[in-house]
Structures are given as C-alpha cells and as structure tokens.
C-alpha cells in the first residue's frame, strides 16, 4: 500500500469511503480535512486528553493514523469558515470543549 501511495495510486482501504462521507456531512472539503490533521500534528497530544492521537490506530498493511471522529469535529468547519478562527485555534477549542464534557 505504501508503494502505491508513493506512486500516487489511489488505494481503497476499509472505512475510507465511510470516513469521507461523514466528513463531507460535517462540512469538510478535502482541503479542510487535510488542514485539520496538519494542525493536529502541531498540537501536543499531552495538552488535551481528547486529542485523537490517544486513539491512534495502526492496521496491518495500512498507513497508521488517527481516526476521524465526526461527533468530535462536526463544529470545526463552522468555527473556521463562519466564525473566522484559525484552524489551530478552532482545533484547540474543540479539543478543550471535548475534554471538559
């Protein structure tokens, strides 16, 4: 799978289509989705108990990663696009709110 990804060949993995549908339903575009995971890499997971890094999954023969949780991130696109928060600040707000509930 890694070789196919390096070649730029799309690889279907179980659950990816479902994840894309869930993200789209929350208001994510591919660029927003990528932006969220880029800012999550910049946030220290130890700063937030709710950081998805704590639920990182690795499946044999698949790229390891953190799961997309629609319930957790459903407000993030609105915070960025409509409320004007930076992607990083919006992610920290979502994580902070999830930690406090």
PDB file of N, CA and C in Angstrom:
ATOM      1  N   UNK A   1       0.816  -1.180   0.000  1.00  0.00           N
ATOM      2  CA  UNK A   1       0.000   0.000   0.000  1.00  0.00           C
ATOM      3  C   UNK A   1       0.871   1.259   0.000  1.00  0.00           C
ATOM      4  N   UNK A   2       1.943   1.247   0.781  1.00  0.00           N
ATOM      5  CA  UNK A   2       2.810   2.430   0.836  1.00  0.00           C
ATOM      6  C   UNK A   2       3.407   2.735  -0.526  1.00  0.00           C
ATOM      7  N   UNK A   3       3.810   1.713  -1.252  1.00  0.00           N
ATOM      8  CA  UNK A   3       4.389   1.918  -2.588  1.00  0.00           C
ATOM      9  C   UNK A   3       3.349   2.527  -3.525  1.00  0.00           C
ATOM     10  N   UNK A   4       2.114   2.071  -3.442  1.00  0.00           N
ATOM     11  CA  UNK A   4       1.057   2.615  -4.290  1.00  0.00           C
ATOM     12  C   UNK A   4       0.803   4.087  -3.960  1.00  0.00           C
ATOM     13  N   UNK A   5       0.814   4.408  -2.700  1.00  0.00           N
ATOM     14  CA  UNK A   5       0.609   5.804  -2.298  1.00  0.00           C
ATOM     15  C   UNK A   5       1.751   6.673  -2.809  1.00  0.00           C
ATOM     16  N   UNK A   6       2.980   6.190  -2.695  1.00  0.00           N
ATOM     17  CA  UNK A   6       4.125   6.965  -3.205  1.00  0.00           C
ATOM     18  C   UNK A   6       4.021   7.186  -4.713  1.00  0.00           C
ATOM     19  N   UNK A   7       3.445   6.231  -5.430  1.00  0.00           N
ATOM     20  CA  UNK A   7       3.265   6.371  -6.883  1.00  0.00           C
ATOM     21  C   UNK A   7       2.091   7.289  -7.212  1.00  0.00           C
ATOM     22  N   UNK A   8       1.300   7.628  -6.214  1.00  0.00           N
ATOM     23  CA  UNK A   8       0.138   8.457  -6.457  1.00  0.00           C
ATOM     24  C   UNK A   8      -1.088   7.660  -6.864  1.00  0.00           C
ATOM     25  N   UNK A   9      -1.047   6.362  -6.650  1.00  0.00           N
ATOM     26  CA  UNK A   9      -2.162   5.498  -6.998  1.00  0.00           C
ATOM     27  C   UNK A   9      -3.139   5.451  -5.831  1.00  0.00           C
ATOM     28  N   UNK A  10      -4.411   5.763  -6.094  1.00  0.00           N
ATOM     29  CA  UNK A  10      -5.385   5.681  -5.001  1.00  0.00           C
ATOM     30  C   UNK A  10      -5.498   4.248  -4.482  1.00  0.00           C
ATOM     31  N   UNK A  11      -5.615   4.132  -3.196  1.00  0.00           N
ATOM     32  CA  UNK A  11      -5.724   2.827  -2.547  1.00  0.00           C
ATOM     33  C   UNK A  11      -6.994   2.820  -1.719  1.00  0.00           C
ATOM     34  N   UNK A  12      -7.809   1.832  -1.958  1.00  0.00           N
ATOM     35  CA  UNK A  12      -9.046   1.716  -1.179  1.00  0.00           C
ATOM     36  C   UNK A  12      -8.765   0.903   0.072  1.00  0.00           C
ATOM     37  N   UNK A  13      -9.116   1.452   1.190  1.00  0.00           N
ATOM     38  CA  UNK A  13      -8.978   0.740   2.454  1.00  0.00           C
ATOM     39  C   UNK A  13     -10.349   0.715   3.113  1.00  0.00           C
ATOM     40  N   UNK A  14     -10.627  -0.303   3.887  1.00  0.00           N
ATOM     41  CA  UNK A  14     -11.937  -0.368   4.537  1.00  0.00           C
ATOM     42  C   UNK A  14     -12.204   0.884   5.367  1.00  0.00           C
ATOM     43  N   UNK A  15     -13.377   1.417   5.201  1.00  0.00           N
ATOM     44  CA  UNK A  15     -13.792   2.557   6.015  1.00  0.00           C
ATOM     45  C   UNK A  15     -13.455   3.921   5.439  1.00  0.00           C
ATOM     46  N   UNK A  16     -12.603   4.000   4.426  1.00  0.00           N
ATOM     47  CA  UNK A  16     -12.226   5.318   3.904  1.00  0.00           C
ATOM     48  C   UNK A  16     -13.406   6.027   3.254  1.00  0.00           C
ATOM     49  N   UNK A  17     -14.230   5.292   2.504  1.00  0.00           N
ATOM     50  CA  UNK A  17     -15.399   5.917   1.878  1.00  0.00           C
ATOM     51  C   UNK A  17     -16.380   6.397   2.950  1.00  0.00           C
ATOM     52  N   UNK A  18     -16.569   5.601   3.990  1.00  0.00           N
ATOM     53  CA  UNK A  18     -17.453   5.989   5.094  1.00  0.00           C
ATOM     54  C   UNK A  18     -16.915   7.239   5.790  1.00  0.00           C
ATOM     55  N   UNK A  19     -15.613   7.287   6.016  1.00  0.00           N
ATOM     56  CA  UNK A  19     -14.998   8.461   6.641  1.00  0.00           C
ATOM     57  C   UNK A  19     -15.196   9.695   5.774  1.00  0.00           C
ATOM     58  N   UNK A  20     -15.006   9.544   4.470  1.00  0.00           N
ATOM     59  CA  UNK A  20     -15.198  10.681   3.556  1.00  0.00           C
ATOM     60  C   UNK A  20     -16.639  11.175   3.607  1.00  0.00           C
ATOM     61  N   UNK A  21     -17.589  10.263   3.632  1.00  0.00           N
ATOM     62  CA  UNK A  21     -18.996  10.658   3.713  1.00  0.00           C
ATOM     63  C   UNK A  21     -19.293  11.385   5.020  1.00  0.00           C
ATOM     64  N   UNK A  22     -18.780  10.869   6.129  1.00  0.00           N
ATOM     65  CA  UNK A  22     -19.010  11.510   7.427  1.00  0.00           C
ATOM     66  C   UNK A  22     -18.395  12.902   7.462  1.00  0.00           C
ATOM     67  N   UNK A  23     -17.183  13.024   6.951  1.00  0.00           N
ATOM     68  CA  UNK A  23     -16.514  14.326   6.945  1.00  0.00           C
ATOM     69  C   UNK A  23     -17.272  15.312   6.059  1.00  0.00           C
ATOM     70  N   UNK A  24     -17.703  14.875   4.901  1.00  0.00           N
ATOM     71  CA  UNK A  24     -18.460  15.739   3.997  1.00  0.00           C
ATOM     72  C   UNK A  24     -19.751  16.203   4.658  1.00  0.00           C
ATOM     73  N   UNK A  25     -20.419  15.302   5.376  1.00  0.00           N
ATOM     74  CA  UNK A  25     -21.661  15.660   6.069  1.00  0.00           C
ATOM     75  C   UNK A  25     -21.435  16.716   7.156  1.00  0.00           C
ATOM     76  N   UNK A  26     -20.221  16.781   7.703  1.00  0.00           N
ATOM     77  CA  UNK A  26     -19.880  17.779   8.728  1.00  0.00           C
ATOM     78  C   UNK A  26     -19.450  19.108   8.118  1.00  0.00           C
ATOM     79  N   UNK A  27     -19.303  19.151   6.786  1.00  0.00           N
ATOM     80  CA  UNK A  27     -18.895  20.384   6.128  1.00  0.00           C
ATOM     81  C   UNK A  27     -17.445  20.417   5.694  1.00  0.00           C
ATOM     82  N   UNK A  28     -16.756  19.288   5.798  1.00  0.00           N
ATOM     83  CA  UNK A  28     -15.359  19.229   5.386  1.00  0.00           C
ATOM     84  C   UNK A  28     -15.232  19.103   3.875  1.00  0.00           C
ATOM     85  N   UNK A  29     -14.210  19.743   3.351  1.00  0.00           N
ATOM     86  CA  UNK A  29     -13.740  19.524   1.985  1.00  0.00           C
ATOM     87  C   UNK A  29     -12.421  18.786   2.129  1.00  0.00           C
ATOM     88  N   UNK A  30     -11.873  18.267   1.048  1.00  0.00           N
ATOM     89  CA  UNK A  30     -10.554  17.623   1.181  1.00  0.00           C
ATOM     90  C   UNK A  30      -9.492  18.557   1.761  1.00  0.00           C
ATOM     91  N   UNK A  31      -9.532  19.823   1.395  1.00  0.00           N
ATOM     92  CA  UNK A  31      -8.537  20.780   1.906  1.00  0.00           C
ATOM     93  C   UNK A  31      -8.739  21.014   3.403  1.00  0.00           C
ATOM     94  N   UNK A  32      -9.982  21.166   3.838  1.00  0.00           N
ATOM     95  CA  UNK A  32     -10.234  21.347   5.274  1.00  0.00           C
ATOM     96  C   UNK A  32      -9.831  20.106   6.064  1.00  0.00           C
ATOM     97  N   UNK A  33     -10.125  18.945   5.513  1.00  0.00           N
ATOM     98  CA  UNK A  33      -9.776  17.689   6.187  1.00  0.00           C
ATOM     99  C   UNK A  33      -8.257  17.603   6.377  1.00  0.00           C
ATOM    100  N   UNK A  34      -7.523  17.904   5.317  1.00  0.00           N
ATOM    101  CA  UNK A  34      -6.059  17.893   5.403  1.00  0.00           C
ATOM    102  C   UNK A  34      -5.570  18.935   6.401  1.00  0.00           C
ATOM    103  N   UNK A  35      -6.188  20.101   6.392  1.00  0.00           N
ATOM    104  CA  UNK A  35      -5.793  21.177   7.302  1.00  0.00           C
ATOM    105  C   UNK A  35      -5.989  20.767   8.753  1.00  0.00           C
ATOM    106  N   UNK A  36      -7.109  20.118   9.056  1.00  0.00           N
ATOM    107  CA  UNK A  36      -7.353  19.673  10.426  1.00  0.00           C
ATOM    108  C   UNK A  36      -6.253  18.734  10.900  1.00  0.00           C
ATOM    109  N   UNK A  37      -5.906  17.752  10.094  1.00  0.00           N
ATOM    110  CA  UNK A  37      -4.898  16.795  10.527  1.00  0.00           C
ATOM    111  C   UNK A  37      -3.503  17.404  10.552  1.00  0.00           C
ATOM    112  N   UNK A  38      -3.264  18.424   9.731  1.00  0.00           N
ATOM    113  CA  UNK A  38      -1.986  19.134   9.804  1.00  0.00           C
ATOM    114  C   UNK A  38      -1.864  19.878  11.131  1.00  0.00           C
ATOM    115  N   UNK A  39      -2.944  20.548  11.566  1.00  0.00           N
ATOM    116  CA  UNK A  39      -2.859  21.271  12.837  1.00  0.00           C
ATOM    117  C   UNK A  39      -2.825  20.305  14.017  1.00  0.00           C
ATOM    118  N   UNK A  40      -3.484  19.159  13.897  1.00  0.00           N
ATOM    119  CA  UNK A  40      -3.421  18.178  14.985  1.00  0.00           C
ATOM    120  C   UNK A  40      -1.988  17.682  15.198  1.00  0.00           C
ATOM    121  N   UNK A  41      -1.221  17.597  14.117  1.00  0.00           N
ATOM    122  CA  UNK A  41       0.184  17.197  14.259  1.00  0.00           C
ATOM    123  C   UNK A  41       1.005  18.259  14.975  1.00  0.00           C
ATOM    124  N   UNK A  42       0.548  19.503  14.948  1.00  0.00           N
ATOM    125  CA  UNK A  42       1.279  20.590  15.598  1.00  0.00           C
ATOM    126  C   UNK A  42       0.866  20.782  17.063  1.00  0.00           C
ATOM    127  N   UNK A  43      -0.233  20.165  17.461  1.00  0.00           N
ATOM    128  CA  UNK A  43      -0.718  20.299  18.839  1.00  0.00           C
ATOM    129  C   UNK A  43      -0.175  19.138  19.664  1.00  0.00           C
ATOM    130  N   UNK A  44       0.439  19.460  20.787  1.00  0.00           N
ATOM    131  CA  UNK A  44       0.969  18.424  21.664  1.00  0.00           C
ATOM    132  C   UNK A  44      -0.187  17.581  22.203  1.00  0.00           C
ATOM    133  N   UNK A  45      -0.221  16.284  21.889  1.00  0.00           N
ATOM    134  CA  UNK A  45      -1.310  15.433  22.361  1.00  0.00           C
ATOM    135  C   UNK A  45      -1.446  15.410  23.879  1.00  0.00           C
ATOM    136  N   UNK A  46      -0.348  15.629  24.577  1.00  0.00           N
ATOM    137  CA  UNK A  46      -0.405  15.617  26.038  1.00  0.00           C
ATOM    138  C   UNK A  46      -1.119  16.838  26.613  1.00  0.00           C
ATOM    139  N   UNK A  47      -1.374  17.833  25.772  1.00  0.00           N
ATOM    140  CA  UNK A  47      -2.079  19.032  26.225  1.00  0.00           C
ATOM    141  C   UNK A  47      -3.585  18.808  26.351  1.00  0.00           C
ATOM    142  N   UNK A  48      -4.091  17.787  25.662  1.00  0.00           N
ATOM    143  CA  UNK A  48      -5.532  17.537  25.650  1.00  0.00           C
ATOM    144  C   UNK A  48      -5.793  16.038  25.748  1.00  0.00           C
ATOM    145  N   UNK A  49      -6.582  15.649  26.744  1.00  0.00           N
ATOM    146  CA  UNK A  49      -6.961  14.234  26.860  1.00  0.00           C
ATOM    147  C   UNK A  49      -7.773  13.780  25.661  1.00  0.00           C
ATOM    148  N   UNK A  50      -8.502  14.702  25.043  1.00  0.00           N
ATOM    149  CA  UNK A  50      -9.370  14.354  23.926  1.00  0.00           C
ATOM    150  C   UNK A  50      -8.656  14.327  22.580  1.00  0.00           C
ATOM    151  N   UNK A  51      -7.352  14.597  22.561  1.00  0.00           N
ATOM    152  CA  UNK A  51      -6.605  14.587  21.293  1.00  0.00           C
ATOM    153  C   UNK A  51      -6.698  13.202  20.668  1.00  0.00           C
ATOM    154  N   UNK A  52      -7.047  13.134  19.385  1.00  0.00           N
ATOM    155  CA  UNK A  52      -7.211  11.829  18.748  1.00  0.00           C
ATOM    156  C   UNK A  52      -5.941  10.987  18.686  1.00  0.00           C
ATOM    157  N   UNK A  53      -4.794  11.594  18.897  1.00  0.00           N
ATOM    158  CA  UNK A  53      -3.551  10.819  18.914  1.00  0.00           C
ATOM    159  C   UNK A  53      -3.628   9.697  19.957  1.00  0.00           C
ATOM    160  N   UNK A  54      -4.386   9.939  21.014  1.00  0.00           N
ATOM    161  CA  UNK A  54      -4.518   8.929  22.060  1.00  0.00           C
ATOM    162  C   UNK A  54      -5.318   7.721  21.597  1.00  0.00           C
ATOM    163  N   UNK A  55      -5.981   7.864  20.449  1.00  0.00           N
ATOM    164  CA  UNK A  55      -6.750   6.764  19.881  1.00  0.00           C
ATOM    165  C   UNK A  55      -6.179   6.346  18.530  1.00  0.00           C
ATOM    166  N   UNK A  56      -4.893   6.605  18.320  1.00  0.00           N
ATOM    167  CA  UNK A  56      -4.244   6.287  17.048  1.00  0.00           C
ATOM    168  C   UNK A  56      -4.381   4.804  16.760  1.00  0.00           C
ATOM    169  N   UNK A  57      -4.626   4.509  15.509  1.00  0.00           N
ATOM    170  CA  UNK A  57      -4.798   3.123  15.091  1.00  0.00           C
ATOM    171  C   UNK A  57      -3.765   2.764  14.041  1.00  0.00           C
ATOM    172  N   UNK A  58      -3.363   1.545  14.066  1.00  0.00           N
ATOM    173  CA  UNK A  58      -2.460   1.029  13.053  1.00  0.00           C
ATOM    174  C   UNK A  58      -3.015  -0.318  12.618  1.00  0.00           C
ATOM    175  N   UNK A  59      -3.307  -0.415  11.348  1.00  0.00           N
ATOM    176  CA  UNK A  59      -3.790  -1.669  10.789  1.00  0.00           C
ATOM    177  C   UNK A  59      -2.689  -2.250   9.923  1.00  0.00           C
ATOM    178  N   UNK A  60      -2.544  -3.510  10.004  1.00  0.00           N
ATOM    179  CA  UNK A  60      -1.532  -4.187   9.193  1.00  0.00           C
ATOM    180  C   UNK A  60      -1.743  -3.832   7.719  1.00  0.00           C
ATOM    181  N   UNK A  61      -0.688  -3.493   7.045  1.00  0.00           N
ATOM    182  CA  UNK A  61      -0.690  -3.149   5.618  1.00  0.00           C
ATOM    183  C   UNK A  61      -1.429  -1.849   5.304  1.00  0.00           C
ATOM    184  N   UNK A  62      -1.676  -1.024   6.293  1.00  0.00           N
ATOM    185  CA  UNK A  62      -2.288   0.272   6.036  1.00  0.00           C
ATOM    186  C   UNK A  62      -1.443   1.362   6.686  1.00  0.00           C
ATOM    187  N   UNK A  63      -1.666   2.565   6.251  1.00  0.00           N
ATOM    188  CA  UNK A  63      -0.952   3.702   6.804  1.00  0.00           C
ATOM    189  C   UNK A  63      -1.492   3.964   8.209  1.00  0.00           C
ATOM    190  N   UNK A  64      -0.625   4.050   9.205  1.00  0.00           N
ATOM    191  CA  UNK A  64      -1.121   4.350  10.554  1.00  0.00           C
ATOM    192  C   UNK A  64      -1.671   5.765  10.610  1.00  0.00           C
ATOM    193  N   UNK A  65      -2.610   5.973  11.465  1.00  0.00           N
ATOM    194  CA  UNK A  65      -3.148   7.322  11.569  1.00  0.00           C
ATOM    195  C   UNK A  65      -4.149   7.458  12.680  1.00  0.00           C
ATOM    196  N   UNK A  66      -4.604   8.691  12.822  1.00  0.00           N
ATOM    197  CA  UNK A  66      -5.595   8.963  13.847  1.00  0.00           C
ATOM    198  C   UNK A  66      -6.965   8.934  13.198  1.00  0.00           C
ATOM    199  N   UNK A  67      -7.945   8.416  13.897  1.00  0.00           N
ATOM    200  CA  UNK A  67      -9.270   8.279  13.290  1.00  0.00           C
ATOM    201  C   UNK A  67      -9.984   9.622  13.182  1.00  0.00           C
ATOM    202  N   UNK A  68     -10.860   9.726  12.196  1.00  0.00           N
ATOM    203  CA  UNK A  68     -11.739  10.884  12.095  1.00  0.00           C
ATOM    204  C   UNK A  68     -12.987  10.565  12.906  1.00  0.00           C
ATOM    205  N   UNK A  69     -13.302  11.428  13.858  1.00  0.00           N
ATOM    206  CA  UNK A  69     -14.475  11.240  14.701  1.00  0.00           C
ATOM    207  C   UNK A  69     -15.457  12.362  14.416  1.00  0.00           C
ATOM    208  N   UNK A  70     -16.507  12.024  13.673  1.00  0.00           N
ATOM    209  CA  UNK A  70     -17.463  13.042  13.226  1.00  0.00           C
ATOM    210  C   UNK A  70     -18.073  13.808  14.396  1.00  0.00           C
ATOM    211  N   UNK A  71     -18.426  13.117  15.464  1.00  0.00           N
ATOM    212  CA  UNK A  71     -19.036  13.813  16.605  1.00  0.00           C
ATOM    213  C   UNK A  71     -18.098  14.850  17.208  1.00  0.00           C
ATOM    214  N   UNK A  72     -16.819  14.522  17.278  1.00  0.00           N
ATOM    215  CA  UNK A  72     -15.844  15.440  17.855  1.00  0.00           C
ATOM    216  C   UNK A  72     -15.623  16.653  16.965  1.00  0.00           C
ATOM    217  N   UNK A  73     -15.522  16.454  15.644  1.00  0.00           N
ATOM    218  CA  UNK A  73     -15.086  17.512  14.736  1.00  0.00           C
ATOM    219  C   UNK A  73     -16.197  18.191  13.952  1.00  0.00           C
ATOM    220  N   UNK A  74     -17.458  17.894  14.243  1.00  0.00           N
ATOM    221  CA  UNK A  74     -18.541  18.436  13.436  1.00  0.00           C
ATOM    222  C   UNK A  74     -18.624  19.962  13.452  1.00  0.00           C
ATOM    223  N   UNK A  75     -18.175  20.597  14.513  1.00  0.00           N
ATOM    224  CA  UNK A  75     -18.239  22.062  14.592  1.00  0.00           C
ATOM    225  C   UNK A  75     -16.999  22.745  14.015  1.00  0.00           C
ATOM    226  N   UNK A  76     -15.943  22.010  13.785  1.00  0.00           N
ATOM    227  CA  UNK A  76     -14.679  22.606  13.360  1.00  0.00           C
ATOM    228  C   UNK A  76     -14.798  23.399  12.050  1.00  0.00           C
ATOM    229  N   UNK A  77     -15.426  22.860  10.988  1.00  0.00           N
ATOM    230  CA  UNK A  77     -15.529  23.661   9.755  1.00  0.00           C
ATOM    231  C   UNK A  77     -16.268  24.984   9.967  1.00  0.00           C
ATOM    232  N   UNK A  78     -17.318  24.971  10.786  1.00  0.00           N
ATOM    233  CA  UNK A  78     -18.057  26.207  11.058  1.00  0.00           C
ATOM    234  C   UNK A  78     -17.180  27.216  11.782  1.00  0.00           C
ATOM    235  N   UNK A  79     -16.405  26.739  12.760  1.00  0.00           N
ATOM    236  CA  UNK A  79     -15.525  27.643  13.501  1.00  0.00           C
ATOM    237  C   UNK A  79     -14.509  28.309  12.576  1.00  0.00           C
ATOM    238  N   UNK A  80     -14.008  27.552  11.616  1.00  0.00           N
ATOM    239  CA  UNK A  80     -13.000  28.094  10.690  1.00  0.00           C
ATOM    240  C   UNK A  80     -13.643  28.966   9.617  1.00  0.00           C
ATOM    241  N   UNK A  81     -14.672  28.449   8.956  1.00  0.00           N
ATOM    242  CA  UNK A  81     -15.241  29.139   7.798  1.00  0.00           C
ATOM    243  C   UNK A  81     -16.202  30.268   8.156  1.00  0.00           C
ATOM    244  N   UNK A  82     -17.001  30.083   9.194  1.00  0.00           N
ATOM    245  CA  UNK A  82     -18.025  31.086   9.504  1.00  0.00           C
ATOM    246  C   UNK A  82     -17.662  31.978  10.680  1.00  0.00           C
ATOM    247  N   UNK A  83     -16.947  31.424  11.648  1.00  0.00           N
ATOM    248  CA  UNK A  83     -16.600  32.206  12.838  1.00  0.00           C
ATOM    249  C   UNK A  83     -15.238  32.881  12.708  1.00  0.00           C
ATOM    250  N   UNK A  84     -14.449  32.478  11.728  1.00  0.00           N
ATOM    251  CA  UNK A  84     -13.177  33.138  11.458  1.00  0.00           C
ATOM    252  C   UNK A  84     -11.998  32.725  12.323  1.00  0.00           C
ATOM    253  N   UNK A  85     -12.135  31.618  13.056  1.00  0.00           N
ATOM    254  CA  UNK A  85     -11.000  31.139  13.853  1.00  0.00           C
ATOM    255  C   UNK A  85      -9.953  30.503  12.941  1.00  0.00           C
ATOM    256  N   UNK A  86      -8.707  30.593  13.344  1.00  0.00           N
ATOM    257  CA  UNK A  86      -7.660  29.896  12.597  1.00  0.00           C
ATOM    258  C   UNK A  86      -7.886  28.397  12.787  1.00  0.00           C
ATOM    259  N   UNK A  87      -7.398  27.568  11.863  1.00  0.00           N
ATOM    260  CA  UNK A  87      -7.565  26.121  12.024  1.00  0.00           C
ATOM    261  C   UNK A  87      -7.012  25.593  13.348  1.00  0.00           C
ATOM    262  N   UNK A  88      -5.866  26.110  13.776  1.00  0.00           N
ATOM    263  CA  UNK A  88      -5.267  25.656  15.027  1.00  0.00           C
ATOM    264  C   UNK A  88      -6.085  26.047  16.247  1.00  0.00           C
ATOM    265  N   UNK A  89      -6.550  27.293  16.268  1.00  0.00           N
ATOM    266  CA  UNK A  89      -7.367  27.747  17.393  1.00  0.00           C
ATOM    267  C   UNK A  89      -8.684  26.984  17.439  1.00  0.00           C
ATOM    268  N   UNK A  90      -9.289  26.768  16.282  1.00  0.00           N
ATOM    269  CA  UNK A  90     -10.539  26.011  16.232  1.00  0.00           C
ATOM    270  C   UNK A  90     -10.336  24.589  16.750  1.00  0.00           C
ATOM    271  N   UNK A  91      -9.228  23.962  16.370  1.00  0.00           N
ATOM    272  CA  UNK A  91      -8.944  22.597  16.846  1.00  0.00           C
ATOM    273  C   UNK A  91      -8.756  22.587  18.359  1.00  0.00           C
ATOM    274  N   UNK A  92      -8.035  23.560  18.881  1.00  0.00           N
ATOM    275  CA  UNK A  92      -7.833  23.619  20.330  1.00  0.00           C
ATOM    276  C   UNK A  92      -9.145  23.855  21.068  1.00  0.00           C
ATOM    277  N   UNK A  93     -10.024  24.680  20.517  1.00  0.00           N
ATOM    278  CA  UNK A  93     -11.331  24.905  21.139  1.00  0.00           C
ATOM    279  C   UNK A  93     -12.154  23.615  21.167  1.00  0.00           C
ATOM    280  N   UNK A  94     -12.155  22.895  20.057  1.00  0.00           N
ATOM    281  CA  UNK A  94     -12.901  21.632  20.004  1.00  0.00           C
ATOM    282  C   UNK A  94     -12.331  20.650  21.017  1.00  0.00           C
ATOM    283  N   UNK A  95     -11.012  20.542  21.061  1.00  0.00           N
ATOM    284  CA  UNK A  95     -10.384  19.613  22.000  1.00  0.00           C
ATOM    285  C   UNK A  95     -10.633  20.026  23.454  1.00  0.00           C
ATOM    286  N   UNK A  96     -10.580  21.317  23.714  1.00  0.00           N
ATOM    287  CA  UNK A  96     -10.825  21.808  25.063  1.00  0.00           C
ATOM    288  C   UNK A  96     -12.266  21.529  25.500  1.00  0.00           C
ATOM    289  N   UNK A  97     -13.206  21.800  24.616  1.00  0.00           N
ATOM    290  CA  UNK A  97     -14.598  21.539  24.945  1.00  0.00           C
ATOM    291  C   UNK A  97     -14.842  20.039  25.161  1.00  0.00           C
ATOM    292  N   UNK A  98     -14.233  19.199  24.335  1.00  0.00           N
ATOM    293  CA  UNK A  98     -14.404  17.746  24.481  1.00  0.00           C
ATOM    294  C   UNK A  98     -13.791  17.260  25.785  1.00  0.00           C
ATOM    295  N   UNK A  99     -12.711  17.877  26.229  1.00  0.00           N
ATOM    296  CA  UNK A  99     -12.060  17.488  27.473  1.00  0.00           C
ATOM    297  C   UNK A  99     -12.933  17.860  28.664  1.00  0.00           C
ATOM    298  N   UNK A 100     -13.641  18.977  28.562  1.00  0.00           N
ATOM    299  CA  UNK A 100     -14.408  19.463  29.702  1.00  0.00           C
ATOM    300  C   UNK A 100     -15.783  18.810  29.817  1.00  0.00           C
ATOM    301  N   UNK A 101     -16.201  18.077  28.802  1.00  0.00           N
ATOM    302  CA  UNK A 101     -17.524  17.448  28.885  1.00  0.00           C
ATOM    303  C   UNK A 101     -17.441  16.026  29.319  1.00  0.00           C
TER     304      UNK A 101
END
